Amino acid sequence: MTDWISANGGRLRAPHDVEFDTADPARQVLENTVAIPLVHLGAVDVIGADAERFLQGQTSAQLSLVDGHFAPLTAFCSPKGRVMANAQLMRVAPEHYRLILHSSLVEPLTQQLSKFAAFYKASLEPQDNIALIGLIGREATALTEVDCDLTPPKLWHQATCGDTSVLTYPGPQTRYLITLPAQVAEELFPRLLNQCAAVGNAVWKLADIQAGLHFINADQQDTYLPQMLNWEALAGISFKKGCYTGQEVVARAHFRGQVKKRLFRVQIEGDECPDNGSEVVNESGKRVGEIIASQVDAYGQPEALAVLSTQATEEPLSLNGHRVQLLKLPYALKRQDPEDLVDSTDATTQADSKTKQV
């Protein structure tokens, strides 16, 4: 359901890419505020009396923390600990959860998990009627408060009013992800454009790269341990919960220090973005990793995320003869427990809300 995009001048270049005629979109982010249809992301809802218990056994998140305020990152792994999908996990209502993930994985993850959901009172439902809109820039907070009637939450939390939720994302500029029914987006998006510019989702992807954040696509399934995507540094793994698929491998790799590859931010010499999977080599021409995401920044330089051997980061690196320069990640490469991101105000707010409902 993308009529609201085309009605406002957007064009789908591919299933996961949209563009507008707005000039210099990456620079617009630096100087103004932009609204972005996030067509590369999709939503899957998990609904039912056993939804929490079912997800607890499948994903790296601690489900008891997902309370309608805290909305952590999470990962679904193979029995060998490789990421089959990574996502942000929200609670929409009691017995109703929502996963935000790369749109190419909506159907594969639904099919994979439905085989196990059959043993629970839970069902997985792809949400084709849910629109995802990104806001980035100096007026993003004000627009969210005025046009969505929501006060933006802190990082990896959600604020919800009716069918609309706002999630706060990291990055060099203020940015929010809005989830809402497509029919509501038809009215909201043009109203936002009275105050900001419409730009393609390449700008959001660039902000993810600059934030050191990557949601894998269908071509990258079953390739990386969560730690190779820095997922534990982003509080995407609870090491305090019980078993889930792949948990033993993920925990062993962490506690025995066996993770020899990590996600790095890099800048690539030249003006063309490399393809995903392009090899990064050391001074001797030996492969030390690969590119998993890339976009051109506001200055015409390709920025990328690469999974690299940790032993190779002290030597000169290149890609197709072009110099590869490491950039600083905006977070420390150390474990961050999701339990530490939930404070007492979340529980208090939730309790107050339940009291008012009673």
Foldseek 3Di string as FASTA:
>chain_A
DCPLQVVVAWDDPDQQKIWHPDPLVQVQLVPFKEKEFRSQKWKKKKAFPCSLVLVLQFKQDNSVLQQQWAWAKIFGAALQQFGQWIFTKHAPDVRMIMTMAGPQCLVVVQVVSQVVCVVDRMHMGTCPQKTKMKMWHDCRQVLCCPLVVWHEHPARTWTDDPQKIWHWHDFPTTMIIIIHGNVVSSVRVVVVCVRGYYGMCLSVLVRCLQQLHDIAHNVCGPPDRCVQSLCQQRQHGAPPGDHHRSNVNNVCCVVVVVDQKHKFKKWKPDQDEDDWFFFKAFPVRHTFWTWHDWGQHSVRTIITIIIGGPVRQVGWIHTPPITIGTDDHPTDSDGDHVVVVDDPVVVVVSVVVVVVVD
